PDB file of all heavy atoms in Angstrom:
ATOM      1  N   ALA A   1      -8.542 -12.028   3.703  1.00  0.00           N
ATOM      2  CA  ALA A   1      -7.561 -11.627   4.700  1.00  0.00           C
ATOM      3  C   ALA A   1      -6.948 -10.290   4.311  1.00  0.00           C
ATOM      4  O   ALA A   1      -6.737 -10.006   3.125  1.00  0.00           O
ATOM      5  CB  ALA A   1      -6.478 -12.692   4.825  1.00  0.00           C
ATOM      6  N   ILE A   2      -6.663  -9.455   5.303  1.00  0.00           N
ATOM      7  CA  ILE A   2      -6.176  -8.103   5.029  1.00  0.00           C
ATOM      8  C   ILE A   2      -4.874  -7.821   5.777  1.00  0.00           C
ATOM      9  O   ILE A   2      -4.574  -8.418   6.814  1.00  0.00           O
ATOM     10  CB  ILE A   2      -7.211  -7.028   5.410  1.00  0.00           C
ATOM     11  CG1 ILE A   2      -7.472  -7.041   6.922  1.00  0.00           C
ATOM     12  CG2 ILE A   2      -8.501  -7.212   4.625  1.00  0.00           C
ATOM     13  CD1 ILE A   2      -8.311  -5.875   7.411  1.00  0.00           C
ATOM     14  N   SER A   3      -4.103  -6.887   5.254  1.00  0.00           N
ATOM     15  CA  SER A   3      -2.926  -6.388   5.953  1.00  0.00           C
ATOM     16  C   SER A   3      -3.368  -5.586   7.172  1.00  0.00           C
ATOM     17  O   SER A   3      -4.338  -4.814   7.112  1.00  0.00           O
ATOM     18  CB  SER A   3      -2.099  -5.500   5.023  1.00  0.00           C
ATOM     19  OG  SER A   3      -1.084  -4.828   5.743  1.00  0.00           O
ATOM     20  N   LEU A   4      -2.645  -5.751   8.276  1.00  0.00           N
ATOM     21  CA  LEU A   4      -2.972  -5.012   9.494  1.00  0.00           C
ATOM     22  C   LEU A   4      -2.302  -3.644   9.548  1.00  0.00           C
ATOM     23  O   LEU A   4      -2.522  -2.885  10.487  1.00  0.00           O
ATOM     24  CB  LEU A   4      -2.555  -5.829  10.724  1.00  0.00           C
ATOM     25  CG  LEU A   4      -3.248  -7.190  10.893  1.00  0.00           C
ATOM     26  CD1 LEU A   4      -2.797  -7.852  12.185  1.00  0.00           C
ATOM     27  CD2 LEU A   4      -4.765  -7.038  10.871  1.00  0.00           C
ATOM     28  N   VAL A   5      -1.500  -3.328   8.535  1.00  0.00           N
ATOM     29  CA  VAL A   5      -0.772  -2.059   8.523  1.00  0.00           C
ATOM     30  C   VAL A   5      -1.682  -0.947   8.014  1.00  0.00           C
ATOM     31  O   VAL A   5      -2.360  -1.103   6.990  1.00  0.00           O
ATOM     32  CB  VAL A   5       0.484  -2.155   7.639  1.00  0.00           C
ATOM     33  CG1 VAL A   5       1.280  -0.852   7.726  1.00  0.00           C
ATOM     34  CG2 VAL A   5       1.345  -3.339   8.048  1.00  0.00           C
ATOM     35  N   ASP A   6      -1.697   0.164   8.729  1.00  0.00           N
ATOM     36  CA  ASP A   6      -2.419   1.360   8.273  1.00  0.00           C
ATOM     37  C   ASP A   6      -1.517   2.089   7.279  1.00  0.00           C
ATOM     38  O   ASP A   6      -0.490   2.668   7.659  1.00  0.00           O
ATOM     39  CB  ASP A   6      -2.752   2.252   9.461  1.00  0.00           C
ATOM     40  CG  ASP A   6      -3.587   3.465   9.064  1.00  0.00           C
ATOM     41  OD1 ASP A   6      -3.746   3.723   7.852  1.00  0.00           O
ATOM     42  OD2 ASP A   6      -4.079   4.160   9.973  1.00  0.00           O
ATOM     43  N   LEU A   7      -1.889   2.076   6.015  1.00  0.00           N
ATOM     44  CA  LEU A   7      -1.054   2.682   4.977  1.00  0.00           C
ATOM     45  C   LEU A   7      -0.871   4.170   5.203  1.00  0.00           C
ATOM     46  O   LEU A   7       0.143   4.755   4.812  1.00  0.00           O
ATOM     47  CB  LEU A   7      -1.656   2.411   3.597  1.00  0.00           C
ATOM     48  CG  LEU A   7      -0.774   2.743   2.395  1.00  0.00           C
ATOM     49  CD1 LEU A   7       0.459   1.844   2.363  1.00  0.00           C
ATOM     50  CD2 LEU A   7      -1.551   2.591   1.099  1.00  0.00           C
ATOM     51  N   HIS A   8      -1.842   4.830   5.835  1.00  0.00           N
ATOM     52  CA  HIS A   8      -1.726   6.268   6.080  1.00  0.00           C
ATOM     53  C   HIS A   8      -0.798   6.585   7.246  1.00  0.00           C
ATOM     54  O   HIS A   8      -0.279   7.705   7.332  1.00  0.00           O
ATOM     55  CB  HIS A   8      -3.107   6.860   6.348  1.00  0.00           C
ATOM     56  CG  HIS A   8      -3.901   7.091   5.112  1.00  0.00           C
ATOM     57  ND1 HIS A   8      -5.045   7.858   5.089  1.00  0.00           N
ATOM     58  CD2 HIS A   8      -3.735   6.659   3.836  1.00  0.00           C
ATOM     59  CE1 HIS A   8      -5.548   7.878   3.853  1.00  0.00           C
ATOM     60  NE2 HIS A   8      -4.771   7.170   3.085  1.00  0.00           N
ATOM     61  N   ALA A   9      -0.618   5.633   8.159  1.00  0.00           N
ATOM     62  CA  ALA A   9       0.233   5.855   9.337  1.00  0.00           C
ATOM     63  C   ALA A   9       0.892   4.547   9.737  1.00  0.00           C
ATOM     64  O   ALA A   9       0.608   3.992  10.793  1.00  0.00           O
ATOM     65  CB  ALA A   9      -0.591   6.432  10.490  1.00  0.00           C
ATOM     66  N   PRO A  10       1.784   4.020   8.897  1.00  0.00           N
ATOM     67  CA  PRO A  10       2.387   2.724   9.210  1.00  0.00           C
ATOM     68  C   PRO A  10       3.253   2.782  10.471  1.00  0.00           C
ATOM     69  O   PRO A  10       4.024   3.719  10.668  1.00  0.00           O
ATOM     70  CB  PRO A  10       3.243   2.421   7.974  1.00  0.00           C
ATOM     71  CG  PRO A  10       3.451   3.732   7.301  1.00  0.00           C
ATOM     72  CD  PRO A  10       2.248   4.564   7.618  1.00  0.00           C
ATOM     73  N   ASP A  11       3.070   1.794  11.337  1.00  0.00           N
ATOM     74  CA  ASP A  11       3.838   1.672  12.579  1.00  0.00           C
ATOM     75  C   ASP A  11       5.037   0.774  12.281  1.00  0.00           C
ATOM     76  O   ASP A  11       4.949  -0.450  12.338  1.00  0.00           O
ATOM     77  CB  ASP A  11       2.952   1.069  13.673  1.00  0.00           C
ATOM     78  CG  ASP A  11       3.657   0.980  15.016  1.00  0.00           C
ATOM     79  OD1 ASP A  11       4.898   1.111  15.055  1.00  0.00           O
ATOM     80  OD2 ASP A  11       2.971   0.748  16.025  1.00  0.00           O
ATOM     81  N   PHE A  12       6.162   1.387  11.958  1.00  0.00           N
ATOM     82  CA  PHE A  12       7.327   0.612  11.537  1.00  0.00           C
ATOM     83  C   PHE A  12       8.005  -0.094  12.707  1.00  0.00           C
ATOM     84  O   PHE A  12       8.800  -1.004  12.486  1.00  0.00           O
ATOM     85  CB  PHE A  12       8.317   1.506  10.791  1.00  0.00           C
ATOM     86  CG  PHE A  12       7.816   1.963   9.452  1.00  0.00           C
ATOM     87  CD1 PHE A  12       7.524   3.294   9.219  1.00  0.00           C
ATOM     88  CD2 PHE A  12       7.634   1.057   8.420  1.00  0.00           C
ATOM     89  CE1 PHE A  12       7.058   3.722   7.981  1.00  0.00           C
ATOM     90  CE2 PHE A  12       7.161   1.466   7.175  1.00  0.00           C
ATOM     91  CZ  PHE A  12       6.871   2.804   6.959  1.00  0.00           C
ATOM     92  N   GLU A  13       7.717   0.314  13.949  1.00  0.00           N
ATOM     93  CA  GLU A  13       8.231  -0.447  15.086  1.00  0.00           C
ATOM     94  C   GLU A  13       7.504  -1.783  15.207  1.00  0.00           C
ATOM     95  O   GLU A  13       8.116  -2.819  15.466  1.00  0.00           O
ATOM     96  CB  GLU A  13       8.076   0.358  16.371  1.00  0.00           C
ATOM     97  CG  GLU A  13       9.004   1.553  16.462  1.00  0.00           C
ATOM     98  CD  GLU A  13       8.969   2.195  17.832  1.00  0.00           C
ATOM     99  OE1 GLU A  13       8.343   1.621  18.757  1.00  0.00           O
ATOM    100  OE2 GLU A  13       9.564   3.278  17.999  1.00  0.00           O
ATOM    101  N   ARG A  14       6.206  -1.757  15.012  1.00  0.00           N
ATOM    102  CA  ARG A  14       5.415  -2.988  15.085  1.00  0.00           C
ATOM    103  C   ARG A  14       5.514  -3.799  13.798  1.00  0.00           C
ATOM    104  O   ARG A  14       5.506  -5.023  13.820  1.00  0.00           O
ATOM    105  CB  ARG A  14       3.953  -2.634  15.368  1.00  0.00           C
ATOM    106  CG  ARG A  14       3.034  -3.826  15.546  1.00  0.00           C
ATOM    107  CD  ARG A  14       1.613  -3.373  15.796  1.00  0.00           C
ATOM    108  NE  ARG A  14       0.692  -4.498  15.859  1.00  0.00           N
ATOM    109  CZ  ARG A  14      -0.636  -4.386  15.817  1.00  0.00           C
ATOM    110  NH1 ARG A  14      -1.194  -3.179  15.727  1.00  0.00           N
ATOM    111  NH2 ARG A  14      -1.408  -5.454  15.857  1.00  0.00           N
ATOM    112  N   PHE A  15       5.613  -3.108  12.665  1.00  0.00           N
ATOM    113  CA  PHE A  15       5.618  -3.764  11.346  1.00  0.00           C
ATOM    114  C   PHE A  15       6.859  -3.342  10.548  1.00  0.00           C
ATOM    115  O   PHE A  15       6.746  -2.693   9.503  1.00  0.00           O
ATOM    116  CB  PHE A  15       4.353  -3.402  10.565  1.00  0.00           C
ATOM    117  CG  PHE A  15       3.057  -3.638  11.300  1.00  0.00           C
ATOM    118  CD1 PHE A  15       2.190  -2.585  11.566  1.00  0.00           C
ATOM    119  CD2 PHE A  15       2.695  -4.907  11.714  1.00  0.00           C
ATOM    120  CE1 PHE A  15       0.983  -2.797  12.219  1.00  0.00           C
ATOM    121  CE2 PHE A  15       1.490  -5.134  12.369  1.00  0.00           C
ATOM    122  CZ  PHE A  15       0.643  -4.078  12.631  1.00  0.00           C
ATOM    123  N   PRO A  16       8.054  -3.676  11.009  1.00  0.00           N
ATOM    124  CA  PRO A  16       9.266  -3.128  10.365  1.00  0.00           C
ATOM    125  C   PRO A  16       9.443  -3.555   8.917  1.00  0.00           C
ATOM    126  O   PRO A  16       9.975  -2.787   8.109  1.00  0.00           O
ATOM    127  CB  PRO A  16      10.396  -3.671  11.248  1.00  0.00           C
ATOM    128  CG  PRO A  16       9.822  -4.860  11.953  1.00  0.00           C
ATOM    129  CD  PRO A  16       8.368  -4.537  12.160  1.00  0.00           C
ATOM    130  N   ARG A  17       9.009  -4.772   8.561  1.00  0.00           N
ATOM    131  CA  ARG A  17       9.240  -5.235   7.186  1.00  0.00           C
ATOM    132  C   ARG A  17       8.321  -4.549   6.179  1.00  0.00           C
ATOM    133  O   ARG A  17       8.521  -4.687   4.970  1.00  0.00           O
ATOM    134  CB  ARG A  17       9.057  -6.760   7.099  1.00  0.00           C
ATOM    135  CG  ARG A  17      10.094  -7.554   7.876  1.00  0.00           C
ATOM    136  CD  ARG A  17      10.042  -9.042   7.504  1.00  0.00           C
ATOM    137  NE  ARG A  17       8.705  -9.597   7.576  1.00  0.00           N
ATOM    138  CZ  ARG A  17       8.141 -10.076   8.691  1.00  0.00           C
ATOM    139  NH1 ARG A  17       8.810 -10.059   9.835  1.00  0.00           N
ATOM    140  NH2 ARG A  17       6.925 -10.580   8.665  1.00  0.00           N
ATOM    141  N   PHE A  18       7.341  -3.799   6.651  1.00  0.00           N
ATOM    142  CA  PHE A  18       6.459  -3.093   5.719  1.00  0.00           C
ATOM    143  C   PHE A  18       7.232  -2.061   4.904  1.00  0.00           C
ATOM    144  O   PHE A  18       6.834  -1.729   3.783  1.00  0.00           O
ATOM    145  CB  PHE A  18       5.306  -2.431   6.469  1.00  0.00           C
ATOM    146  CG  PHE A  18       4.264  -1.837   5.552  1.00  0.00           C
ATOM    147  CD1 PHE A  18       3.472  -2.654   4.758  1.00  0.00           C
ATOM    148  CD2 PHE A  18       4.090  -0.462   5.476  1.00  0.00           C
ATOM    149  CE1 PHE A  18       2.526  -2.117   3.896  1.00  0.00           C
ATOM    150  CE2 PHE A  18       3.140   0.081   4.624  1.00  0.00           C
ATOM    151  CZ  PHE A  18       2.360  -0.746   3.833  1.00  0.00           C
ATOM    152  N   ALA A  19       8.331  -1.566   5.452  1.00  0.00           N
ATOM    153  CA  ALA A  19       9.161  -0.625   4.679  1.00  0.00           C
ATOM    154  C   ALA A  19       9.658  -1.283   3.400  1.00  0.00           C
ATOM    155  O   ALA A  19       9.737  -0.635   2.344  1.00  0.00           O
ATOM    156  CB  ALA A  19      10.329  -0.150   5.541  1.00  0.00           C
ATOM    157  N   GLU A  20       9.974  -2.565   3.470  1.00  0.00           N
ATOM    158  CA  GLU A  20      10.398  -3.303   2.271  1.00  0.00           C
ATOM    159  C   GLU A  20       9.246  -3.428   1.290  1.00  0.00           C
ATOM    160  O   GLU A  20       9.430  -3.274   0.067  1.00  0.00           O
ATOM    161  CB  GLU A  20      10.904  -4.683   2.676  1.00  0.00           C
ATOM    162  CG  GLU A  20      11.205  -5.625   1.522  1.00  0.00           C
ATOM    163  CD  GLU A  20      12.459  -5.267   0.742  1.00  0.00           C
ATOM    164  OE1 GLU A  20      13.256  -4.443   1.242  1.00  0.00           O
ATOM    165  OE2 GLU A  20      12.637  -5.808  -0.365  1.00  0.00           O
ATOM    166  N   ALA A  21       8.034  -3.693   1.790  1.00  0.00           N
ATOM    167  CA  ALA A  21       6.867  -3.800   0.910  1.00  0.00           C
ATOM    168  C   ALA A  21       6.644  -2.497   0.148  1.00  0.00           C
ATOM    169  O   ALA A  21       6.327  -2.512  -1.053  1.00  0.00           O
ATOM    170  CB  ALA A  21       5.629  -4.169   1.719  1.00  0.00           C
ATOM    171  N   LEU A  22       6.812  -1.370   0.830  1.00  0.00           N
ATOM    172  CA  LEU A  22       6.603  -0.077   0.167  1.00  0.00           C
ATOM    173  C   LEU A  22       7.582   0.144  -0.971  1.00  0.00           C
ATOM    174  O   LEU A  22       7.253   0.824  -1.954  1.00  0.00           O
ATOM    175  CB  LEU A  22       6.713   1.054   1.187  1.00  0.00           C
ATOM    176  CG  LEU A  22       5.555   1.191   2.178  1.00  0.00           C
ATOM    177  CD1 LEU A  22       5.869   2.265   3.212  1.00  0.00           C
ATOM    178  CD2 LEU A  22       4.252   1.499   1.466  1.00  0.00           C
ATOM    179  N   GLU A  23       8.780  -0.409  -0.873  1.00  0.00           N
ATOM    180  CA  GLU A  23       9.754  -0.252  -1.954  1.00  0.00           C
ATOM    181  C   GLU A  23       9.317  -0.967  -3.226  1.00  0.00           C
ATOM    182  O   GLU A  23       9.784  -0.629  -4.324  1.00  0.00           O
ATOM    183  CB  GLU A  23      11.122  -0.777  -1.502  1.00  0.00           C
ATOM    184  CG  GLU A  23      11.764   0.063  -0.405  1.00  0.00           C
ATOM    185  CD  GLU A  23      13.144  -0.435  -0.038  1.00  0.00           C
ATOM    186  OE1 GLU A  23      13.668  -1.321  -0.762  1.00  0.00           O
ATOM    187  OE2 GLU A  23      13.699   0.066   0.954  1.00  0.00           O
ATOM    188  N   HIS A  24       8.417  -1.938  -3.093  1.00  0.00           N
ATOM    189  CA  HIS A  24       7.933  -2.695  -4.249  1.00  0.00           C
ATOM    190  C   HIS A  24       6.507  -2.308  -4.644  1.00  0.00           C
ATOM    191  O   HIS A  24       5.942  -2.909  -5.559  1.00  0.00           O
ATOM    192  CB  HIS A  24       7.995  -4.188  -3.944  1.00  0.00           C
ATOM    193  CG  HIS A  24       9.381  -4.696  -3.686  1.00  0.00           C
ATOM    194  ND1 HIS A  24      10.212  -5.131  -4.693  1.00  0.00           N
ATOM    195  CD2 HIS A  24      10.081  -4.808  -2.532  1.00  0.00           C
ATOM    196  CE1 HIS A  24      11.368  -5.509  -4.174  1.00  0.00           C
ATOM    197  NE2 HIS A  24      11.318  -5.321  -2.865  1.00  0.00           N
ATOM    198  N   ALA A  25       5.930  -1.327  -3.965  1.00  0.00           N
ATOM    199  CA  ALA A  25       4.547  -0.945  -4.219  1.00  0.00           C
ATOM    200  C   ALA A  25       4.412  -0.163  -5.519  1.00  0.00           C
ATOM    201  O   ALA A  25       5.343   0.518  -5.953  1.00  0.00           O
ATOM    202  CB  ALA A  25       4.015  -0.115  -3.055  1.00  0.00           C
ATOM    203  N   GLN A  26       3.222  -0.274  -6.127  1.00  0.00           N
ATOM    204  CA  GLN A  26       2.866   0.511  -7.300  1.00  0.00           C
ATOM    205  C   GLN A  26       1.553   1.240  -7.008  1.00  0.00           C
ATOM    206  O   GLN A  26       0.673   0.690  -6.348  1.00  0.00           O
ATOM    207  CB  GLN A  26       2.708  -0.384  -8.535  1.00  0.00           C
ATOM    208  CG  GLN A  26       3.967  -1.130  -8.922  1.00  0.00           C
ATOM    209  CD  GLN A  26       3.788  -1.954 -10.178  1.00  0.00           C
ATOM    210  OE1 GLN A  26       3.004  -1.610 -11.062  1.00  0.00           O
ATOM    211  NE2 GLN A  26       4.518  -3.057 -10.278  1.00  0.00           N
ATOM    212  N   VAL A  27       1.438   2.453  -7.507  1.00  0.00           N
ATOM    213  CA  VAL A  27       0.278   3.290  -7.191  1.00  0.00           C
ATOM    214  C   VAL A  27      -0.424   3.702  -8.473  1.00  0.00           C
ATOM    215  O   VAL A  27       0.219   4.085  -9.460  1.00  0.00           O
ATOM    216  CB  VAL A  27       0.698   4.541  -6.391  1.00  0.00           C
ATOM    217  CG1 VAL A  27      -0.521   5.409  -6.085  1.00  0.00           C
ATOM    218  CG2 VAL A  27       1.385   4.142  -5.103  1.00  0.00           C
ATOM    219  N   ALA A  28      -1.762   3.637  -8.447  1.00  0.00           N
ATOM    220  CA  ALA A  28      -2.585   4.118  -9.562  1.00  0.00           C
ATOM    221  C   ALA A  28      -3.540   5.182  -9.032  1.00  0.00           C
ATOM    222  O   ALA A  28      -4.359   4.905  -8.152  1.00  0.00           O
ATOM    223  CB  ALA A  28      -3.372   2.966 -10.177  1.00  0.00           C
ATOM    224  N   GLU A  29      -3.399   6.399  -9.530  1.00  0.00           N
ATOM    225  CA  GLU A  29      -4.321   7.496  -9.218  1.00  0.00           C
ATOM    226  C   GLU A  29      -5.342   7.549 -10.350  1.00  0.00           C
ATOM    227  O   GLU A  29      -4.983   7.804 -11.504  1.00  0.00           O
ATOM    228  CB  GLU A  29      -3.570   8.817  -9.112  1.00  0.00           C
ATOM    229  CG  GLU A  29      -2.470   8.833  -8.065  1.00  0.00           C
ATOM    230  CD  GLU A  29      -2.995   9.129  -6.662  1.00  0.00           C
ATOM    231  OE1 GLU A  29      -4.216   9.401  -6.545  1.00  0.00           O
ATOM    232  OE2 GLU A  29      -2.202   9.083  -5.716  1.00  0.00           O
ATOM    233  N   MET A  30      -6.615   7.344 -10.019  1.00  0.00           N
ATOM    234  CA  MET A  30      -7.614   7.121 -11.060  1.00  0.00           C
ATOM    235  C   MET A  30      -8.718   8.176 -11.033  1.00  0.00           C
ATOM    236  O   MET A  30      -9.176   8.606  -9.969  1.00  0.00           O
ATOM    237  CB  MET A  30      -8.218   5.720 -10.890  1.00  0.00           C
ATOM    238  CG  MET A  30      -7.181   4.601 -10.958  1.00  0.00           C
ATOM    239  SD  MET A  30      -7.883   2.956 -10.690  1.00  0.00           S
ATOM    240  CE  MET A  30      -8.968   2.807 -12.132  1.00  0.00           C
ATOM    241  N   GLU A  31      -9.132   8.554 -12.243  1.00  0.00           N
ATOM    242  CA  GLU A  31     -10.226   9.494 -12.452  1.00  0.00           C
ATOM    243  C   GLU A  31     -11.431   8.743 -13.022  1.00  0.00           C
ATOM    244  O   GLU A  31     -11.294   7.607 -13.509  1.00  0.00           O
ATOM    245  CB  GLU A  31      -9.791  10.592 -13.432  1.00  0.00           C
ATOM    246  CG  GLU A  31      -8.565  11.381 -13.009  1.00  0.00           C
ATOM    247  CD  GLU A  31      -8.875  12.365 -11.896  1.00  0.00           C
ATOM    248  OE1 GLU A  31     -10.070  12.723 -11.742  1.00  0.00           O
ATOM    249  OE2 GLU A  31      -7.931  12.781 -11.199  1.00  0.00           O
ATOM    250  N   PRO A  32     -12.623   9.360 -13.002  1.00  0.00           N
ATOM    251  CA  PRO A  32     -13.779   8.711 -13.629  1.00  0.00           C
ATOM    252  C   PRO A  32     -13.503   8.358 -15.084  1.00  0.00           C
ATOM    253  O   PRO A  32     -12.989   9.178 -15.845  1.00  0.00           O
ATOM    254  CB  PRO A  32     -14.880   9.766 -13.503  1.00  0.00           C
ATOM    255  CG  PRO A  32     -14.490  10.570 -12.303  1.00  0.00           C
ATOM    256  CD  PRO A  32     -12.986  10.628 -12.330  1.00  0.00           C
ATOM    257  N   GLY A  33     -13.819   7.129 -15.452  1.00  0.00           N
ATOM    258  CA  GLY A  33     -13.570   6.643 -16.800  1.00  0.00           C
ATOM    259  C   GLY A  33     -12.323   5.796 -16.922  1.00  0.00           C
ATOM    260  O   GLY A  33     -12.138   5.104 -17.926  1.00  0.00           O
ATOM    261  N   ASP A  34     -11.440   5.839 -15.899  1.00  0.00           N
ATOM    262  CA  ASP A  34     -10.227   5.027 -15.921  1.00  0.00           C
ATOM    263  C   ASP A  34     -10.531   3.608 -15.453  1.00  0.00           C
ATOM    264  O   ASP A  34     -11.470   3.370 -14.675  1.00  0.00           O
ATOM    265  CB  ASP A  34      -9.154   5.623 -15.000  1.00  0.00           C
ATOM    266  CG  ASP A  34      -8.608   6.944 -15.501  1.00  0.00           C
ATOM    267  OD1 ASP A  34      -8.789   7.235 -16.702  1.00  0.00           O
ATOM    268  OD2 ASP A  34      -8.012   7.677 -14.690  1.00  0.00           O
ATOM    269  N   ALA A  35      -9.719   2.664 -15.903  1.00  0.00           N
ATOM    270  CA  ALA A  35      -9.837   1.270 -15.475  1.00  0.00           C
ATOM    271  C   ALA A  35      -8.464   0.760 -15.082  1.00  0.00           C
ATOM    272  O   ALA A  35      -7.434   1.232 -15.579  1.00  0.00           O
ATOM    273  CB  ALA A  35     -10.432   0.405 -16.586  1.00  0.00           C
ATOM    274  N   LEU A  36      -8.448  -0.210 -14.178  1.00  0.00           N
ATOM    275  CA  LEU A  36      -7.202  -0.793 -13.687  1.00  0.00           C
ATOM    276  C   LEU A  36      -7.301  -2.309 -13.780  1.00  0.00           C
ATOM    277  O   LEU A  36      -8.234  -2.907 -13.240  1.00  0.00           O
ATOM    278  CB  LEU A  36      -6.952  -0.376 -12.237  1.00  0.00           C
ATOM    279  CG  LEU A  36      -5.722  -0.959 -11.544  1.00  0.00           C
ATOM    280  CD1 LEU A  36      -4.445  -0.451 -12.196  1.00  0.00           C
ATOM    281  CD2 LEU A  36      -5.737  -0.622 -10.052  1.00  0.00           C
ATOM    282  N   PHE A  37      -6.346  -2.907 -14.493  1.00  0.00           N
ATOM    283  CA  PHE A  37      -6.259  -4.366 -14.500  1.00  0.00           C
ATOM    284  C   PHE A  37      -5.366  -4.794 -13.343  1.00  0.00           C
ATOM    285  O   PHE A  37      -4.209  -4.371 -13.236  1.00  0.00           O
ATOM    286  CB  PHE A  37      -5.685  -4.889 -15.814  1.00  0.00           C
ATOM    287  CG  PHE A  37      -5.424  -6.375 -15.771  1.00  0.00           C
ATOM    288  CD1 PHE A  37      -6.479  -7.280 -15.792  1.00  0.00           C
ATOM    289  CD2 PHE A  37      -4.130  -6.862 -15.670  1.00  0.00           C
ATOM    290  CE1 PHE A  37      -6.245  -8.645 -15.711  1.00  0.00           C
ATOM    291  CE2 PHE A  37      -3.884  -8.222 -15.605  1.00  0.00           C
ATOM    292  CZ  PHE A  37      -4.946  -9.119 -15.615  1.00  0.00           C
ATOM    293  N   ILE A  38      -5.920  -5.643 -12.453  1.00  0.00           N
ATOM    294  CA  ILE A  38      -5.199  -6.157 -11.292  1.00  0.00           C
ATOM    295  C   ILE A  38      -5.027  -7.659 -11.486  1.00  0.00           C
ATOM    296  O   ILE A  38      -6.014  -8.401 -11.484  1.00  0.00           O
ATOM    297  CB  ILE A  38      -5.960  -5.877  -9.984  1.00  0.00           C
ATOM    298  CG1 ILE A  38      -6.291  -4.394  -9.854  1.00  0.00           C
ATOM    299  CG2 ILE A  38      -5.150  -6.360  -8.784  1.00  0.00           C
ATOM    300  CD1 ILE A  38      -7.186  -4.067  -8.657  1.00  0.00           C
TER     301      ILE A  38
END
């Protein structure tokens, strides 16, 4: 199952609580050779 929100263009009128999700989000910018434990 996937989120219906487009992260590049979130529609906050349709998905207003997504703003709260973004406040708790973490971002990893990765280069070749990097690994991410999820």
